[in-house]
């Protein structure tokens, strides 16, 4: 594999991994908020989190399509 292509693949992998981390952190935040608020998460937070998840998933799909990340994240919602 050519060094430039190897670097491109590594960057795609890192972008995907960061998207994974972002979506999981959003879910952890929601779960923690639900526990602390006895399930009463503000609708504005849920809406904003959904938007942030969508952005992270778009990034993940753009750079490493065909993974299970979108299917996994959609199960949370």
N, C-alpha and C. Protein backbone atom coordinates (compact mmCIF):
# COMPACT_ATOMS: atom_id res chain seq x y z
N UNK A 1 0.85 -1.17 0.00
CA UNK A 1 0.00 0.00 0.00
C UNK A 1 0.90 1.24 0.00
N UNK A 2 0.58 2.16 -0.83
CA UNK A 2 1.32 3.41 -0.94
C UNK A 2 1.15 4.22 0.35
N UNK A 3 2.18 4.93 0.77
CA UNK A 3 2.17 5.67 2.04
C UNK A 3 1.03 6.68 2.09
N UNK A 4 0.73 7.37 0.98
CA UNK A 4 -0.37 8.34 0.98
C UNK A 4 -1.72 7.64 1.20
N UNK A 5 -1.91 6.50 0.56
CA UNK A 5 -3.16 5.77 0.73
C UNK A 5 -3.26 5.21 2.15
N UNK A 6 -2.16 4.76 2.69
CA UNK A 6 -2.16 4.27 4.07
C UNK A 6 -2.55 5.39 5.03
N UNK A 7 -2.03 6.58 4.81
CA UNK A 7 -2.37 7.72 5.65
C UNK A 7 -3.84 8.08 5.50
N UNK A 8 -4.35 8.06 4.28
CA UNK A 8 -5.78 8.33 4.06
C UNK A 8 -6.65 7.32 4.80
N UNK A 9 -6.29 6.06 4.73
CA UNK A 9 -7.07 5.03 5.41
C UNK A 9 -7.02 5.21 6.92
N UNK A 10 -5.86 5.55 7.43
CA UNK A 10 -5.73 5.78 8.86
C UNK A 10 -6.61 6.95 9.29
N UNK A 11 -6.63 8.02 8.51
CA UNK A 11 -7.47 9.17 8.85
C UNK A 11 -8.95 8.81 8.77
N UNK A 12 -9.34 8.02 7.77
CA UNK A 12 -10.74 7.56 7.69
C UNK A 12 -11.09 6.75 8.94
N UNK A 13 -10.20 5.86 9.34
CA UNK A 13 -10.44 5.05 10.53
C UNK A 13 -10.56 5.91 11.78
N UNK A 14 -9.69 6.90 11.90
CA UNK A 14 -9.73 7.78 13.07
C UNK A 14 -11.00 8.63 13.10
N UNK A 15 -11.42 9.12 11.95
CA UNK A 15 -12.66 9.88 11.90
C UNK A 15 -13.84 9.00 12.29
N UNK A 16 -13.86 7.78 11.79
CA UNK A 16 -14.94 6.85 12.15
C UNK A 16 -14.92 6.57 13.65
N UNK A 17 -13.74 6.28 14.18
CA UNK A 17 -13.63 5.98 15.61
C UNK A 17 -14.07 7.17 16.46
N UNK A 18 -13.71 8.37 16.08
CA UNK A 18 -14.15 9.55 16.82
C UNK A 18 -15.66 9.72 16.73
N UNK A 19 -16.25 9.36 15.61
CA UNK A 19 -17.71 9.41 15.50
C UNK A 19 -18.36 8.40 16.42
N UNK A 20 -17.78 7.23 16.50
CA UNK A 20 -18.26 6.21 17.43
C UNK A 20 -18.21 6.74 18.87
N UNK A 21 -17.09 7.28 19.25
CA UNK A 21 -16.93 7.81 20.60
C UNK A 21 -17.95 8.92 20.86
N UNK A 22 -18.14 9.80 19.89
CA UNK A 22 -19.10 10.90 20.05
C UNK A 22 -20.51 10.38 20.28
N UNK A 23 -20.94 9.41 19.47
CA UNK A 23 -22.31 8.91 19.63
C UNK A 23 -22.49 8.20 20.97
N UNK A 24 -21.48 7.48 21.41
CA UNK A 24 -21.58 6.80 22.70
C UNK A 24 -21.57 7.79 23.86
N UNK A 25 -20.78 8.85 23.75
CA UNK A 25 -20.78 9.87 24.81
C UNK A 25 -22.12 10.58 24.90
N UNK A 26 -22.74 10.85 23.76
CA UNK A 26 -24.07 11.45 23.77
C UNK A 26 -25.04 10.52 24.48
N UNK A 27 -24.96 9.23 24.20
CA UNK A 27 -25.87 8.27 24.84
C UNK A 27 -25.62 8.20 26.34
N UNK A 28 -24.37 8.20 26.75
CA UNK A 28 -24.04 8.18 28.18
C UNK A 28 -24.60 9.43 28.86
N UNK A 29 -24.46 10.57 28.20
CA UNK A 29 -24.99 11.82 28.76
C UNK A 29 -26.50 11.73 28.94
N UNK A 30 -27.19 11.21 27.93
CA UNK A 30 -28.65 11.06 28.04
C UNK A 30 -29.03 10.09 29.14
N UNK A 31 -28.34 8.97 29.21
CA UNK A 31 -28.65 7.99 30.25
C UNK A 31 -28.42 8.57 31.64
N UNK A 32 -27.33 9.29 31.83
CA UNK A 32 -27.03 9.90 33.12
C UNK A 32 -28.07 10.95 33.46
N UNK A 33 -28.42 11.76 32.48
CA UNK A 33 -29.44 12.78 32.70
C UNK A 33 -30.78 12.15 33.07
N UNK A 34 -31.13 11.08 32.40
CA UNK A 34 -32.39 10.39 32.70
C UNK A 34 -32.40 9.86 34.13
N UNK A 35 -31.27 9.33 34.58
CA UNK A 35 -31.18 8.82 35.95
C UNK A 35 -31.32 9.97 36.94
N UNK A 36 -30.58 11.04 36.72
CA UNK A 36 -30.60 12.17 37.65
C UNK A 36 -31.93 12.91 37.66
N UNK A 37 -32.61 12.94 36.53
CA UNK A 37 -33.88 13.67 36.40
C UNK A 37 -35.09 12.74 36.47
N UNK A 38 -34.86 11.52 36.86
CA UNK A 38 -35.92 10.51 36.95
C UNK A 38 -36.70 10.41 35.63
N UNK A 39 -35.95 10.40 34.53
CA UNK A 39 -36.55 10.20 33.22
C UNK A 39 -37.04 11.46 32.53
N UNK A 40 -36.96 12.59 33.18
CA UNK A 40 -37.49 13.83 32.62
C UNK A 40 -36.40 14.65 31.94
N UNK A 41 -35.92 14.17 30.81
CA UNK A 41 -34.90 14.89 30.05
C UNK A 41 -35.60 15.98 29.24
N UNK A 42 -35.09 17.21 29.30
CA UNK A 42 -35.72 18.28 28.51
C UNK A 42 -35.76 17.95 27.03
N UNK A 43 -36.89 18.25 26.41
CA UNK A 43 -37.07 17.96 24.99
C UNK A 43 -36.00 18.65 24.15
N UNK A 44 -35.59 19.85 24.56
CA UNK A 44 -34.56 20.57 23.80
C UNK A 44 -33.25 19.78 23.78
N UNK A 45 -32.92 19.13 24.89
CA UNK A 45 -31.70 18.32 24.94
C UNK A 45 -31.82 17.12 24.02
N UNK A 46 -32.95 16.46 24.05
CA UNK A 46 -33.14 15.29 23.19
C UNK A 46 -33.04 15.67 21.71
N UNK A 47 -33.62 16.81 21.36
CA UNK A 47 -33.56 17.28 19.98
C UNK A 47 -32.13 17.61 19.58
N UNK A 48 -31.42 18.33 20.44
CA UNK A 48 -30.03 18.68 20.15
C UNK A 48 -29.15 17.45 20.06
N UNK A 49 -29.36 16.50 20.96
CA UNK A 49 -28.58 15.27 20.93
C UNK A 49 -28.83 14.50 19.64
N UNK A 50 -30.07 14.46 19.20
CA UNK A 50 -30.40 13.76 17.96
C UNK A 50 -29.66 14.40 16.78
N UNK A 51 -29.61 15.73 16.77
CA UNK A 51 -28.90 16.43 15.70
C UNK A 51 -27.41 16.12 15.75
N UNK A 52 -26.83 16.17 16.94
CA UNK A 52 -25.39 15.89 17.08
C UNK A 52 -25.07 14.45 16.67
N UNK A 53 -25.94 13.50 17.04
CA UNK A 53 -25.76 12.12 16.61
C UNK A 53 -25.78 12.00 15.10
N UNK A 54 -26.72 12.70 14.47
CA UNK A 54 -26.84 12.65 13.01
C UNK A 54 -25.57 13.17 12.33
N UNK A 55 -25.01 14.25 12.87
CA UNK A 55 -23.78 14.79 12.31
C UNK A 55 -22.65 13.77 12.44
N UNK A 56 -22.51 13.17 13.63
CA UNK A 56 -21.45 12.18 13.84
C UNK A 56 -21.63 10.98 12.93
N UNK A 57 -22.87 10.54 12.74
CA UNK A 57 -23.12 9.40 11.85
C UNK A 57 -22.83 9.74 10.39
N UNK A 58 -23.16 10.96 9.99
CA UNK A 58 -22.85 11.37 8.61
C UNK A 58 -21.34 11.35 8.38
N UNK A 59 -20.58 11.82 9.36
CA UNK A 59 -19.12 11.79 9.25
C UNK A 59 -18.63 10.35 9.17
N UNK A 60 -19.14 9.51 10.05
CA UNK A 60 -18.72 8.10 10.06
C UNK A 60 -19.02 7.43 8.72
N UNK A 61 -20.22 7.66 8.21
CA UNK A 61 -20.62 7.04 6.93
C UNK A 61 -19.82 7.59 5.75
N UNK A 62 -19.46 8.85 5.82
CA UNK A 62 -18.70 9.47 4.72
C UNK A 62 -17.31 8.85 4.60
N UNK A 63 -16.69 8.59 5.73
CA UNK A 63 -15.29 8.15 5.69
C UNK A 63 -15.10 6.65 5.83
N UNK A 64 -16.09 5.96 6.35
CA UNK A 64 -15.99 4.50 6.46
C UNK A 64 -17.41 3.92 6.39
N UNK A 65 -17.99 3.90 5.21
CA UNK A 65 -19.37 3.43 5.06
C UNK A 65 -19.48 1.92 5.27
N UNK A 66 -20.71 1.50 5.57
CA UNK A 66 -20.98 0.08 5.63
C UNK A 66 -20.69 -0.58 6.97
N UNK A 67 -20.47 0.21 8.01
CA UNK A 67 -20.24 -0.38 9.32
C UNK A 67 -21.58 -0.52 10.05
N UNK A 68 -21.57 -1.10 11.20
CA UNK A 68 -22.78 -1.30 11.99
C UNK A 68 -23.12 -0.10 12.87
N UNK A 69 -22.31 0.96 12.80
CA UNK A 69 -22.50 2.08 13.72
C UNK A 69 -23.89 2.70 13.61
N UNK A 70 -24.33 3.01 12.41
CA UNK A 70 -25.65 3.65 12.25
C UNK A 70 -26.76 2.75 12.80
N UNK A 71 -26.70 1.47 12.45
CA UNK A 71 -27.72 0.53 12.95
C UNK A 71 -27.70 0.47 14.48
N UNK A 72 -26.52 0.46 15.06
CA UNK A 72 -26.39 0.41 16.52
C UNK A 72 -26.96 1.67 17.17
N UNK A 73 -26.60 2.83 16.63
CA UNK A 73 -27.04 4.09 17.22
C UNK A 73 -28.56 4.26 17.08
N UNK A 74 -29.10 3.82 15.95
CA UNK A 74 -30.54 3.95 15.76
C UNK A 74 -31.33 3.10 16.73
N UNK A 75 -30.74 2.04 17.27
CA UNK A 75 -31.41 1.23 18.29
C UNK A 75 -31.58 2.02 19.59
N UNK A 76 -30.70 3.00 19.84
CA UNK A 76 -30.81 3.81 21.06
C UNK A 76 -32.04 4.70 21.02
N UNK A 77 -32.38 5.17 19.82
CA UNK A 77 -33.44 6.18 19.69
C UNK A 77 -34.80 5.66 19.71
